[in-house]
Amino acid sequence: MASAQSARLDKKKLLADPIMVTTIILLIAFLTLFILYPLAILLVDSVVGDGGFSFSVFKRVFKIPTFTTAITNTLKVGFVVGIFATAVGLLFAYVEIYVRINKFAGGLFKVVSMLPVVSPPFVLSLSVIMLFGKSGLITRYLFKIYDNSVYGFWGIVVVQSLTFFPVCYMMFRGLLKNIDPSLEEAARDMGASRMKVFTSVTLPLLLPGIGNAFLVTFIESIADFANPMIIGGSYDTLATTIYLQITGAYDKAGASAMAVVLLCITLAMFAVQKYVLEKKSTATLTGKASRARMLIEDKSVRIPLTTICSLGALFVILMYICVPIGALFPTWGYKFFPFTFKWFNQVFTKYKGFKAFKDSFVLSFISAPITALLSMIISYLVVKRKFKAKGFIEAVSMLAMAVPGTVLGVGYIRGFSGGIFRTGFMQGLYGTGAILVIVFIIRSLPTGTRSGIAALRQIDKSIEESAYDMGADSFKVFTTVTLPLIKDSFLSGLVTAFVRSITAISAIILLVTPSYLLITVQINEFAEKGAYGLACAFASILILITYGAVLIMNTIIKHFGTSRAIKEVD
């Protein structure tokens, strides 16, 4: 009875707020049109032909040898990368949380955790080719090895493992911090060795988190387009096969069917990760550690583990440093000295670098604040409001996290190239900068929404209710009370959206037209041609832009963020 009265009261308050109702309707329309509709069109394209409902397209694509091979290859790569990245990430996190390390090692860990965030997704592929390829600096000139090949399965596995293990490292670091040290110390007091404590106490507590990290990495791996495209060689994966099917074979219906297969795999893994493993992780690791952990100082443990992780971190950093250095070599593989700036010069004089950076910067700059604001609005509705469509808004906004960029790109081509439902309505959107901005927003929306939800759950609802009692409407409360309290999350979401947008490639490579030059597309093009000097020059400037954006965000939060204001009040 009380719950029914509460529901009626919530409904009455909602209907009495036209701004809130309008916002909810517009959000539902936006999410339906730009997330659900393209995916629905893919499904329709793959099962509906001239003769009506049929699975003929699926039957046809499954007869293509490269497609069936690509499915096996993709799953194989995802499984191996998931194991490697999870293991390495767990090792790094364990050493940081459980072992007394020096400041140098701690600094290396921080750099490694940040590098994948501020760099394009295919930087490590370039580095591996330049260091270990047939004309590699290490293989050819240091060890005189001429018959090696870094392309194929192991090339993809190594690059993706190095790219994604920092994500696992950050996940495990938070999980290990929350384990109460008294549980492990009790086992030690009963005579258990460190290995026994790890296998019988720590590891069981981490099992849901390990499964979560594995599935997140697995999803990222099978959805990755850039690395397999550059270093995959003849080793086909689903993402690259879909791209080649639509750009090489001009088979849009076949590409749609292939995209549906990839989408089904990622959605299945995402559902397991979100609705099974995340709940188990939350139930197993709750609260913070009751007291400080006694760090391992035994040299027989500390020195080997610290050395292994430090060398691994230095290797990853070397890979990233290789990119700007590669841009200074006259001709990679033949002439390394003296250093030259000719590639940087050609970027701006011969290959329209100014236009590429301007287009990328402007489109990302437009999408970032919209994404950040939308994320905060969705988070606010999910956490602070009760209405029937709340679950729909949360689920659909998070759905983009499970949709590979290539799949989304094909969906937008099929959904908007002829207008909505082939009616010509909104056809003018296709091929414009607006559709690229929309794709950037959709791809970054889940990250900002999750951050906003976490921040809003820490705010007592009585603060906002006081503003309502004084006559403020929902818009006034959100802009003057809620948003200032979560401005750290808003700024973080803004910069994250900017970085993700300016370094994106998989979702937009199928949508970009000659009217727009994007940096990541240029890097991919020159890397495929073997013009590594130009690719490195573009990538180096892009890394500077993204790293600068992150530094600016950190500076703003440090001096103007919520934590700063609270500290001044105290």
Protein backbone atom coordinates (compact mmCIF):
# COMPACT_ATOMS: atom_id res chain seq x y z
CA MET A 1 0.00 0.00 0.00
CA ALA A 2 2.74 2.41 1.02
CA SER A 3 4.81 1.53 -2.05
CA ALA A 4 1.79 2.12 -4.33
CA GLN A 5 1.18 5.52 -2.75
CA SER A 6 4.87 6.37 -3.13
CA ALA A 7 4.75 5.38 -6.82
CA ARG A 8 1.66 7.54 -7.42
CA LEU A 9 3.33 10.46 -5.67
CA ASP A 10 6.50 10.07 -7.78
CA LYS A 11 4.39 9.94 -10.95
CA LYS A 12 2.43 13.03 -9.92
CA LYS A 13 5.64 14.96 -9.16
CA LEU A 14 7.13 13.89 -12.50
CA LEU A 15 4.10 14.92 -14.56
CA ALA A 16 4.05 18.27 -12.76
CA ASP A 17 7.58 18.97 -14.02
CA PRO A 18 7.41 19.69 -17.80
CA ILE A 19 11.18 20.17 -18.09
CA MET A 20 11.83 16.72 -16.66
CA VAL A 21 9.19 15.07 -18.85
CA THR A 22 10.57 16.78 -21.97
CA THR A 23 14.12 15.72 -21.09
CA ILE A 24 13.07 12.08 -20.63
CA ILE A 25 11.17 12.03 -23.95
CA LEU A 26 14.08 13.59 -25.86
CA LEU A 27 16.56 11.16 -24.27
CA ILE A 28 14.45 8.14 -25.16
CA ALA A 29 14.12 9.42 -28.73
CA PHE A 30 17.88 10.07 -29.01
CA LEU A 31 18.91 6.68 -27.61
CA THR A 32 16.35 4.83 -29.72
CA LEU A 33 17.29 6.62 -32.93
CA PHE A 34 21.08 6.44 -32.63
CA ILE A 35 21.65 3.18 -30.73
CA LEU A 36 18.71 0.82 -31.08
CA TYR A 37 17.65 1.78 -34.62
CA PRO A 38 21.04 1.12 -36.34
CA LEU A 39 21.34 -2.24 -34.58
CA ALA A 40 17.75 -3.17 -35.49
CA ILE A 41 18.42 -2.24 -39.12
CA LEU A 42 21.44 -4.57 -39.14
CA LEU A 43 19.27 -7.43 -37.94
CA VAL A 44 16.53 -6.64 -40.47
CA ASP A 45 19.05 -6.37 -43.33
CA SER A 46 20.51 -9.76 -42.48
CA VAL A 47 17.20 -11.67 -42.34
CA VAL A 48 14.93 -9.80 -44.78
CA GLY A 49 15.57 -9.92 -48.52
CA ASP A 50 13.57 -9.35 -51.68
CA GLY A 51 11.62 -12.53 -51.07
CA GLY A 52 10.73 -11.69 -47.46
CA PHE A 53 12.04 -13.22 -44.24
CA SER A 54 15.00 -15.49 -44.91
CA PHE A 55 18.33 -16.60 -43.50
CA SER A 56 19.83 -16.77 -46.98
CA VAL A 57 22.31 -13.96 -46.26
CA PHE A 58 23.62 -15.81 -43.21
CA LYS A 59 23.86 -19.03 -45.21
CA ARG A 60 25.79 -17.19 -47.90
CA VAL A 61 28.31 -15.51 -45.59
CA PHE A 62 28.90 -18.71 -43.63
CA LYS A 63 29.96 -20.32 -46.90
CA ILE A 64 32.70 -17.70 -47.28
CA PRO A 65 35.86 -19.46 -45.99
CA THR A 66 37.44 -16.24 -44.72
CA PHE A 67 34.39 -15.48 -42.57
CA THR A 68 34.21 -18.83 -40.80
CA THR A 69 37.98 -18.67 -40.31
CA ALA A 70 37.64 -15.13 -38.96
CA ILE A 71 35.15 -16.28 -36.30
CA THR A 72 37.54 -18.96 -35.06
CA ASN A 73 40.49 -16.58 -35.21
CA THR A 74 38.63 -13.86 -33.33
CA LEU A 75 37.55 -16.16 -30.50
CA LYS A 76 41.04 -17.65 -30.29
CA VAL A 77 42.70 -14.23 -30.08
CA GLY A 78 40.14 -12.98 -27.54
CA PHE A 79 40.63 -16.01 -25.30
CA VAL A 80 44.45 -15.88 -25.32
CA VAL A 81 44.59 -12.08 -24.92
CA GLY A 82 42.07 -12.29 -22.07
CA ILE A 83 44.30 -14.79 -20.21
CA PHE A 84 47.54 -12.89 -20.82
CA ALA A 85 46.18 -9.42 -20.05
CA THR A 86 44.40 -10.62 -16.90
CA ALA A 87 47.49 -12.43 -15.60
CA VAL A 88 49.84 -9.51 -16.23
CA GLY A 89 47.35 -6.99 -14.82
CA LEU A 90 46.93 -9.09 -11.66
CA LEU A 91 50.71 -9.36 -11.22
CA PHE A 92 51.19 -5.59 -11.50
CA ALA A 93 48.32 -4.85 -9.12
CA TYR A 94 49.51 -7.44 -6.55
CA VAL A 95 53.03 -6.05 -6.55
CA GLU A 96 51.80 -2.47 -6.10
CA ILE A 97 49.35 -3.28 -3.27
CA TYR A 98 51.19 -6.09 -1.42
CA VAL A 99 54.89 -5.44 -1.97
CA ARG A 100 56.94 -2.52 -0.71
CA ILE A 101 58.21 -0.93 -3.92
CA ASN A 102 60.41 2.09 -4.43
CA LYS A 103 59.25 5.40 -5.90
CA PHE A 104 60.82 4.60 -9.27
CA ALA A 105 58.77 1.42 -9.71
CA GLY A 106 55.65 3.19 -8.46
CA GLY A 107 56.18 5.96 -11.01
CA LEU A 108 56.59 3.41 -13.81
CA PHE A 109 53.30 1.76 -12.84
CA LYS A 110 51.47 5.10 -12.99
CA VAL A 111 52.92 5.89 -16.41
CA VAL A 112 51.96 2.47 -17.77
CA SER A 113 48.39 2.81 -16.48
CA MET A 114 48.02 6.20 -18.17
CA LEU A 115 49.68 5.58 -21.54
CA PRO A 116 46.87 3.56 -23.18
CA VAL A 117 44.41 6.30 -22.20
CA VAL A 118 46.23 9.11 -24.00
CA SER A 119 47.44 7.24 -27.07
CA PRO A 120 45.74 6.02 -30.25
CA PRO A 121 44.73 2.32 -30.17
CA PHE A 122 47.30 1.19 -32.75
CA VAL A 123 50.48 2.84 -31.46
CA LEU A 124 51.86 -0.43 -30.12
CA SER A 125 51.30 -2.13 -33.48
CA LEU A 126 53.49 0.50 -35.12
CA SER A 127 56.12 0.06 -32.42
CA VAL A 128 56.21 -3.74 -32.70
CA ILE A 129 56.63 -3.55 -36.49
CA MET A 130 59.38 -0.94 -36.23
CA LEU A 131 61.27 -2.77 -33.49
CA PHE A 132 60.72 -6.45 -34.36
CA GLY A 133 59.64 -6.52 -38.01
CA LYS A 134 61.84 -7.55 -40.96
CA SER A 135 63.30 -4.04 -40.98
CA GLY A 136 63.09 -3.76 -37.22
CA LEU A 137 65.64 -1.86 -35.21
CA ILE A 138 66.11 -4.76 -32.77
CA THR A 139 65.68 -7.80 -35.04
CA ARG A 140 67.50 -6.62 -38.17
CA TYR A 141 70.12 -4.22 -36.89
CA LEU A 142 70.78 -5.50 -33.39
CA PHE A 143 70.48 -9.29 -33.78
CA LYS A 144 70.84 -9.56 -37.60
CA ILE A 145 67.59 -11.53 -37.95
CA TYR A 146 66.08 -11.12 -41.43
CA ASP A 147 63.47 -13.89 -41.82
CA ASN A 148 61.16 -13.11 -38.90
CA SER A 149 57.57 -11.94 -39.15
CA VAL A 150 55.58 -10.14 -36.47
CA TYR A 151 52.36 -10.26 -38.46
CA GLY A 152 49.59 -12.72 -37.67
CA PHE A 153 48.20 -14.35 -34.53
CA TRP A 154 51.08 -13.75 -32.12
CA GLY A 155 51.59 -10.20 -33.32
CA ILE A 156 47.95 -9.39 -32.52
CA VAL A 157 48.10 -11.23 -29.18
CA VAL A 158 51.23 -9.41 -28.01
CA VAL A 159 50.00 -5.97 -29.06
CA GLN A 160 46.51 -6.40 -27.61
CA SER A 161 47.84 -7.88 -24.36
CA LEU A 162 50.16 -4.90 -23.89
CA THR A 163 47.33 -2.52 -24.82
CA PHE A 164 44.65 -3.97 -22.54
CA PHE A 165 46.53 -5.22 -19.48
CA PRO A 166 46.58 -1.73 -17.87
CA VAL A 167 42.77 -1.92 -17.79
CA CYS A 168 42.97 -5.18 -15.82
CA TYR A 169 45.69 -3.68 -13.62
CA MET A 170 43.44 -0.76 -12.66
CA MET A 171 40.52 -3.11 -11.93
CA PHE A 172 42.60 -5.45 -9.75
CA ARG A 173 44.22 -2.57 -7.90
CA GLY A 174 40.82 -1.44 -6.61
CA LEU A 175 39.77 -5.00 -5.73
CA LEU A 176 42.98 -5.83 -3.85
CA LYS A 177 42.78 -2.59 -1.85
CA ASN A 178 39.36 -3.61 -0.54
CA ILE A 179 40.44 -7.01 0.79
CA ASP A 180 40.65 -6.90 4.59
CA PRO A 181 44.31 -7.73 5.46
CA SER A 182 43.23 -9.43 8.70
CA LEU A 183 41.89 -12.36 6.63
CA GLU A 184 45.30 -13.02 5.11
CA GLU A 185 47.20 -12.31 8.31
CA ALA A 186 45.07 -14.86 10.17
CA ALA A 187 46.13 -17.51 7.66
CA ARG A 188 49.78 -16.46 8.05
CA ASP A 189 49.51 -16.70 11.85
CA MET A 190 48.32 -20.30 11.43
CA GLY A 191 51.54 -21.15 9.55
CA ALA A 192 50.45 -20.85 5.93
CA SER A 193 53.09 -19.78 3.41
CA ARG A 194 52.63 -16.68 1.26
CA MET A 195 51.77 -18.86 -1.73
CA LYS A 196 49.22 -20.81 0.35
CA VAL A 197 47.65 -17.55 1.56
CA PHE A 198 47.42 -16.28 -1.99
CA THR A 199 45.88 -19.47 -3.40
CA SER A 200 43.52 -20.20 -0.49
CA VAL A 201 42.48 -16.69 0.69
CA THR A 202 43.32 -13.92 -1.79
CA LEU A 203 42.62 -15.76 -5.04
CA PRO A 204 39.14 -17.07 -4.05
CA LEU A 205 38.13 -13.52 -3.12
CA LEU A 206 39.38 -12.31 -6.49
CA LEU A 207 37.79 -15.00 -8.65
CA PRO A 208 34.71 -12.95 -9.65
CA GLY A 209 36.99 -9.99 -10.38
CA ILE A 210 39.29 -12.20 -12.45
CA GLY A 211 36.34 -13.41 -14.49
CA ASN A 212 35.17 -9.82 -14.88
CA ALA A 213 38.60 -8.63 -16.06
CA PHE A 214 38.90 -11.56 -18.47
CA LEU A 215 35.53 -10.87 -20.08
CA VAL A 216 36.16 -7.11 -20.34
CA THR A 217 39.47 -7.82 -22.07
CA PHE A 218 37.88 -10.53 -24.24
CA ILE A 219 35.21 -8.07 -25.42
CA GLU A 220 37.78 -5.35 -26.11
CA SER A 221 39.97 -7.81 -28.01
CA ILE A 222 37.33 -9.24 -30.33
CA ALA A 223 35.93 -5.76 -31.00
CA ASP A 224 39.36 -4.28 -31.79
CA PHE A 225 39.78 -3.17 -35.38
CA ALA A 226 42.93 -1.05 -35.58
CA ASN A 227 45.54 -3.51 -34.27
CA PRO A 228 44.45 -6.53 -36.37
CA MET A 229 44.22 -4.23 -39.39
CA ILE A 230 47.83 -3.07 -39.03
CA ILE A 231 49.64 -6.10 -37.63
CA GLY A 232 47.23 -8.92 -38.50
CA GLY A 233 48.60 -9.47 -41.99
CA SER A 234 46.64 -12.33 -43.57
CA TYR A 235 45.23 -13.37 -40.20
CA ASP A 236 41.54 -12.43 -40.53
CA THR A 237 39.41 -11.32 -37.59
CA LEU A 238 35.72 -10.45 -37.57
CA ALA A 239 36.25 -6.69 -37.30
CA THR A 240 38.63 -6.54 -40.28
CA THR A 241 36.55 -9.00 -42.31
CA ILE A 242 33.43 -6.86 -41.87
CA TYR A 243 35.39 -3.77 -42.94
CA LEU A 244 36.77 -5.48 -46.05
CA GLN A 245 33.37 -6.96 -46.92
CA ILE A 246 31.83 -3.50 -47.13
CA THR A 247 34.80 -1.60 -48.62
CA GLY A 248 36.27 -4.32 -50.86
CA ALA A 249 33.40 -6.61 -51.82
CA TYR A 250 30.75 -3.85 -51.57
CA ASP A 251 28.47 -6.41 -49.96
CA LYS A 252 26.42 -4.37 -47.48
CA ALA A 253 23.93 -7.14 -46.71
CA GLY A 254 26.74 -9.62 -46.11
CA ALA A 255 28.57 -7.11 -43.91
CA SER A 256 25.34 -6.62 -41.94
CA ALA A 257 25.05 -10.37 -41.31
CA MET A 258 28.70 -10.57 -40.25
CA ALA A 259 28.18 -7.58 -37.95
CA VAL A 260 25.19 -9.31 -36.33
CA VAL A 261 27.34 -12.37 -35.59
CA LEU A 262 30.02 -10.22 -33.94
CA LEU A 263 27.36 -8.26 -32.06
CA CYS A 264 25.79 -11.45 -30.70
CA ILE A 265 29.16 -12.62 -29.36
CA THR A 266 29.96 -9.30 -27.65
CA LEU A 267 26.43 -8.92 -26.23
CA ALA A 268 26.55 -12.42 -24.77
CA MET A 269 29.90 -11.72 -23.10
CA PHE A 270 28.71 -8.29 -21.93
CA ALA A 271 25.56 -9.81 -20.37
CA VAL A 272 27.62 -12.37 -18.44
CA GLN A 273 30.09 -9.71 -17.33
CA LYS A 274 27.47 -7.18 -16.22
CA TYR A 275 24.65 -9.25 -14.81
CA VAL A 276 26.56 -12.21 -13.36
CA LEU A 277 30.16 -11.38 -12.52
CA GLU A 278 29.73 -7.72 -11.50
CA LYS A 279 27.11 -8.72 -8.92
CA LYS A 280 29.36 -11.44 -7.54
CA SER A 281 32.29 -9.02 -7.31
CA THR A 282 30.16 -6.54 -5.38
CA ALA A 283 28.95 -9.18 -2.96
CA THR A 284 32.43 -10.62 -2.36
CA LEU A 285 34.49 -7.45 -1.96
CA THR A 286 32.53 -4.87 0.02
CA GLY A 287 33.79 -1.96 2.04
CA LYS A 288 37.35 -0.81 2.56
CA ALA A 289 40.20 -2.55 4.32
CA SER A 290 39.84 -2.18 8.10
CA ARG A 291 43.46 -1.13 8.59
CA ALA A 292 46.73 -0.71 6.77
CA ARG A 293 48.25 -3.77 5.11
CA MET A 294 51.68 -5.03 6.20
CA LEU A 295 53.67 -4.86 2.96
CA ILE A 296 55.98 -7.69 1.91
CA GLU A 297 59.61 -6.70 2.54
CA ASP A 298 61.24 -10.11 2.15
CA LYS A 299 63.98 -9.63 -0.48
CA SER A 300 63.44 -13.10 -1.94
CA VAL A 301 59.91 -12.00 -2.91
CA ARG A 302 60.25 -8.24 -3.28
CA ILE A 303 63.28 -8.07 -5.59
CA PRO A 304 62.16 -10.64 -8.22
CA LEU A 305 58.59 -9.34 -8.43
CA THR A 306 59.62 -5.67 -8.52
CA THR A 307 62.30 -6.39 -11.13
CA ILE A 308 59.93 -8.33 -13.40
CA CYS A 309 57.21 -5.66 -13.25
CA SER A 310 59.66 -2.77 -13.63
CA LEU A 311 61.26 -4.38 -16.70
CA GLY A 312 57.80 -5.03 -18.13
CA ALA A 313 56.77 -1.43 -17.53
CA LEU A 314 60.00 -0.12 -19.07
CA PHE A 315 59.41 -2.31 -22.14
CA VAL A 316 55.89 -0.90 -22.59
CA ILE A 317 57.18 2.66 -22.17
CA LEU A 318 59.95 1.91 -24.71
CA MET A 319 57.27 0.81 -27.16
CA TYR A 320 55.48 4.13 -26.81
CA ILE A 321 58.72 6.16 -26.98
CA CYS A 322 59.53 4.37 -30.24
CA VAL A 323 56.73 6.26 -32.02
CA PRO A 324 58.07 9.85 -31.66
CA ILE A 325 61.62 8.60 -32.28
CA GLY A 326 60.44 6.78 -35.40
CA ALA A 327 59.08 10.08 -36.71
CA LEU A 328 62.62 11.53 -36.59
CA PHE A 329 64.36 8.81 -38.63
CA PRO A 330 65.03 9.70 -42.31
CA THR A 331 63.99 6.28 -43.70
CA TRP A 332 62.88 3.49 -41.37
CA GLY A 333 64.72 0.24 -41.95
CA TYR A 334 67.43 1.73 -44.19
CA LYS A 335 68.71 5.00 -42.76
CA PHE A 336 68.35 5.97 -39.11
CA PHE A 337 70.69 8.94 -38.82
CA PRO A 338 70.94 11.88 -38.78
CA PHE A 339 67.58 12.76 -37.21
CA THR A 340 65.28 14.82 -39.37
CA PHE A 341 62.00 16.71 -39.07
CA LYS A 342 61.02 16.04 -42.69
CA TRP A 343 58.10 13.78 -41.74
CA PHE A 344 56.62 16.41 -39.45
CA ASN A 345 57.14 18.95 -42.20
CA GLN A 346 55.40 16.74 -44.77
CA VAL A 347 52.48 16.17 -42.42
CA PHE A 348 51.60 19.86 -42.66
CA THR A 349 52.86 20.74 -46.14
CA LYS A 350 52.07 17.70 -48.28
CA TYR A 351 49.42 15.66 -46.48
CA LYS A 352 47.00 18.34 -45.18
CA GLY A 353 47.98 17.85 -41.57
CA PHE A 354 46.42 21.15 -40.50
CA LYS A 355 43.05 20.08 -41.89
CA ALA A 356 43.30 16.62 -40.29
CA PHE A 357 44.09 18.05 -36.87
CA LYS A 358 41.53 20.83 -37.22
CA ASP A 359 38.73 18.46 -38.26
CA SER A 360 39.59 15.93 -35.54
CA PHE A 361 39.94 18.60 -32.88
CA VAL A 362 36.75 20.48 -33.80
CA LEU A 363 34.55 17.37 -34.02
CA SER A 364 35.95 15.99 -30.75
CA PHE A 365 35.67 19.40 -29.08
CA ILE A 366 32.00 19.62 -30.07
CA SER A 367 31.15 16.07 -28.97
CA ALA A 368 32.97 16.16 -25.60
CA PRO A 369 30.78 18.67 -23.68
CA ILE A 370 27.60 17.20 -25.17
CA THR A 371 28.69 13.72 -24.08
CA ALA A 372 29.64 14.90 -20.59
CA LEU A 373 26.34 16.75 -20.12
CA LEU A 374 24.25 13.87 -21.49
CA SER A 375 26.12 11.45 -19.21
CA MET A 376 25.37 13.56 -16.15
CA ILE A 377 21.69 13.96 -17.12
CA ILE A 378 21.27 10.21 -17.64
CA SER A 379 23.10 9.51 -14.36
CA TYR A 380 20.85 12.00 -12.56
CA LEU A 381 17.69 10.39 -13.94
CA VAL A 382 18.88 6.88 -13.10
CA VAL A 383 19.97 7.64 -9.53
CA LYS A 384 17.66 10.45 -8.41
CA ARG A 385 14.38 9.88 -10.24
CA LYS A 386 11.78 7.11 -10.35
CA PHE A 387 9.84 6.52 -13.57
CA LYS A 388 8.98 3.54 -15.73
CA ALA A 389 11.44 4.27 -18.55
CA LYS A 390 14.44 4.60 -16.20
CA GLY A 391 15.60 1.02 -16.78
CA PHE A 392 15.31 1.49 -20.54
CA ILE A 393 17.45 4.66 -20.50
CA GLU A 394 20.14 3.06 -18.33
CA ALA A 395 20.29 -0.19 -20.32
CA VAL A 396 20.38 1.44 -23.76
CA SER A 397 22.96 4.07 -22.76
CA MET A 398 25.20 1.25 -21.50
CA LEU A 399 24.53 -0.91 -24.56
CA ALA A 400 27.02 1.07 -26.66
CA MET A 401 29.78 -0.36 -24.43
CA ALA A 402 29.08 -3.83 -25.83
CA VAL A 403 28.74 -2.78 -29.47
CA PRO A 404 32.00 -3.01 -31.47
CA GLY A 405 32.83 0.16 -33.39
CA THR A 406 32.82 -1.64 -36.73
CA VAL A 407 29.32 -2.98 -36.06
CA LEU A 408 28.07 0.49 -35.15
CA GLY A 409 29.64 1.93 -38.30
CA VAL A 410 27.89 -0.62 -40.53
CA GLY A 411 24.62 0.02 -38.68
CA TYR A 412 24.86 3.77 -39.36
CA ILE A 413 25.60 3.14 -43.04
CA ARG A 414 22.59 0.84 -43.42
CA GLY A 415 20.37 2.99 -41.21
CA PHE A 416 21.04 6.50 -42.52
CA SER A 417 22.51 6.28 -46.04
CA GLY A 418 18.98 6.00 -47.47
CA GLY A 419 17.26 7.84 -44.66
CA ILE A 420 15.36 6.34 -41.73
CA PHE A 421 13.68 3.12 -42.88
CA ARG A 422 14.75 4.00 -46.46
CA THR A 423 12.26 6.91 -46.54
CA GLY A 424 14.85 9.60 -47.23
CA PHE A 425 14.07 11.31 -43.91
CA MET A 426 17.35 12.43 -42.25
CA GLN A 427 19.34 11.16 -45.23
CA GLY A 428 21.19 14.48 -45.21
CA LEU A 429 22.81 13.43 -41.93
CA TYR A 430 24.84 10.72 -43.65
CA GLY A 431 28.30 11.82 -44.80
CA THR A 432 28.34 14.96 -42.64
CA GLY A 433 30.36 15.94 -39.61
CA ALA A 434 27.18 15.71 -37.53
CA ILE A 435 27.00 11.93 -37.86
CA LEU A 436 30.65 11.66 -36.77
CA VAL A 437 29.88 13.78 -33.71
CA ILE A 438 26.90 11.55 -32.90
CA VAL A 439 29.06 8.43 -33.17
CA PHE A 440 31.66 10.01 -30.85
CA ILE A 441 28.89 10.78 -28.34
CA ILE A 442 27.42 7.28 -28.46
CA ARG A 443 30.83 5.60 -28.07
CA SER A 444 31.81 7.69 -25.02
CA LEU A 445 28.40 7.83 -23.32
CA PRO A 446 28.72 4.61 -21.23
CA THR A 447 32.01 5.67 -19.63
CA GLY A 448 30.69 9.07 -18.55
CA THR A 449 27.39 7.59 -17.37
CA ARG A 450 29.07 5.02 -15.12
CA SER A 451 31.28 7.73 -13.61
CA GLY A 452 28.27 10.00 -13.04
CA ILE A 453 26.19 7.25 -11.42
CA ALA A 454 29.02 6.46 -8.99
CA ALA A 455 29.38 10.15 -8.06
CA LEU A 456 25.64 10.81 -7.65
CA ARG A 457 25.13 7.83 -5.35
CA GLN A 458 27.39 9.59 -2.83
CA ILE A 459 25.13 12.68 -2.64
CA ASP A 460 22.43 12.72 0.04
CA LYS A 461 19.02 13.34 -1.54
CA SER A 462 18.10 15.78 1.25
CA ILE A 463 20.42 18.37 -0.31
CA GLU A 464 18.35 18.46 -3.50
CA GLU A 465 15.04 18.16 -1.65
CA SER A 466 15.86 21.35 0.23
CA ALA A 467 16.16 23.19 -3.10
CA TYR A 468 12.82 21.75 -4.26
CA ASP A 469 11.18 22.86 -1.01
CA MET A 470 12.37 26.41 -1.73
CA GLY A 471 10.56 26.41 -5.09
CA ALA A 472 13.32 25.45 -7.54
CA ASP A 473 12.37 23.36 -10.55
CA SER A 474 14.30 20.28 -11.72
CA PHE A 475 16.45 22.25 -14.18
CA LYS A 476 17.43 24.77 -11.49
CA VAL A 477 18.22 22.00 -8.99
CA PHE A 478 20.34 20.10 -11.51
CA THR A 479 22.36 23.15 -12.65
CA THR A 480 22.83 24.88 -9.27
CA VAL A 481 22.98 21.98 -6.80
CA THR A 482 23.66 18.61 -8.41
CA LEU A 483 26.08 19.53 -11.20
CA PRO A 484 28.41 21.63 -8.96
CA LEU A 485 28.64 18.69 -6.54
CA ILE A 486 29.70 16.28 -9.29
CA LYS A 487 31.81 18.69 -11.34
CA ASP A 488 34.88 16.46 -10.91
CA SER A 489 33.03 13.62 -12.65
CA PHE A 490 31.70 16.06 -15.25
CA LEU A 491 35.18 17.39 -16.07
CA SER A 492 36.65 13.91 -16.06
CA GLY A 493 33.89 12.71 -18.39
CA LEU A 494 34.43 15.69 -20.66
CA VAL A 495 38.14 15.04 -21.13
CA THR A 496 37.64 11.28 -21.39
CA ALA A 497 35.06 11.87 -24.13
CA PHE A 498 37.45 14.22 -25.94
CA VAL A 499 40.34 11.73 -25.77
CA ARG A 500 38.17 8.78 -26.83
CA SER A 501 36.74 10.79 -29.73
CA ILE A 502 40.01 12.13 -31.11
CA THR A 503 41.65 8.68 -30.91
CA ALA A 504 38.65 6.71 -32.28
CA ILE A 505 38.90 4.79 -35.54
CA SER A 506 36.82 1.60 -35.68
CA ALA A 507 33.42 3.29 -35.60
CA ILE A 508 34.22 6.20 -37.92
CA ILE A 509 36.51 4.70 -40.57
CA LEU A 510 33.44 3.48 -42.46
CA LEU A 511 31.60 6.81 -42.08
CA VAL A 512 34.27 9.41 -42.79
CA THR A 513 34.11 11.06 -46.23
CA PRO A 514 36.71 13.05 -48.22
CA SER A 515 35.15 16.21 -46.77
CA TYR A 516 36.74 15.36 -43.42
CA LEU A 517 40.29 14.29 -42.68
CA LEU A 518 40.70 12.60 -39.30
CA ILE A 519 44.05 11.93 -37.68
CA THR A 520 43.42 8.28 -36.81
CA VAL A 521 42.28 7.48 -40.34
CA GLN A 522 45.45 9.12 -41.71
CA ILE A 523 47.64 7.10 -39.33
CA ASN A 524 45.91 3.87 -40.35
CA GLU A 525 46.29 4.72 -44.05
CA PHE A 526 50.02 5.49 -43.85
CA ALA A 527 50.71 2.46 -41.62
CA GLU A 528 49.03 0.16 -44.17
CA LYS A 529 51.22 1.65 -46.91
CA GLY A 530 54.38 1.11 -44.85
CA ALA A 531 54.99 4.87 -44.52
CA TYR A 532 55.93 4.51 -40.86
CA GLY A 533 57.67 7.87 -40.60
CA LEU A 534 54.49 9.74 -41.54
CA ALA A 535 52.31 7.48 -39.38
CA CYS A 536 54.60 8.10 -36.39
CA ALA A 537 54.59 11.86 -37.00
CA PHE A 538 50.79 11.97 -36.99
CA ALA A 539 50.63 9.69 -33.94
CA SER A 540 53.22 11.73 -32.01
CA ILE A 541 51.28 14.96 -32.44
CA LEU A 542 48.05 13.18 -31.50
CA ILE A 543 49.62 11.83 -28.30
CA LEU A 544 50.75 15.36 -27.38
CA ILE A 545 47.22 16.68 -27.89
CA THR A 546 45.59 13.98 -25.77
CA TYR A 547 48.25 14.10 -23.04
CA GLY A 548 47.88 17.90 -22.91
CA ALA A 549 44.10 17.53 -22.53
CA VAL A 550 44.53 15.14 -19.59
CA LEU A 551 47.06 17.45 -17.90
CA ILE A 552 44.73 20.42 -18.29
CA MET A 553 41.86 18.41 -16.80
CA ASN A 554 43.96 17.32 -13.81
CA THR A 555 45.08 20.92 -13.22
CA ILE A 556 41.51 22.24 -13.35
CA ILE A 557 40.24 19.59 -10.93
CA LYS A 558 43.18 20.20 -8.59
CA HIS A 559 42.55 23.95 -8.38
CA PHE A 560 38.82 24.27 -9.00
CA GLY A 561 37.38 20.81 -8.34
CA THR A 562 34.99 19.68 -5.64
CA SER A 563 37.75 18.22 -3.45
CA ARG A 564 39.52 21.59 -3.50
CA ALA A 565 36.37 23.40 -2.39
CA ILE A 566 35.75 20.91 0.43
CA LYS A 567 39.35 21.24 1.59
CA GLU A 568 39.02 25.06 1.74
CA VAL A 569 35.80 24.78 3.78
CA ASP A 570 37.51 22.44 6.24
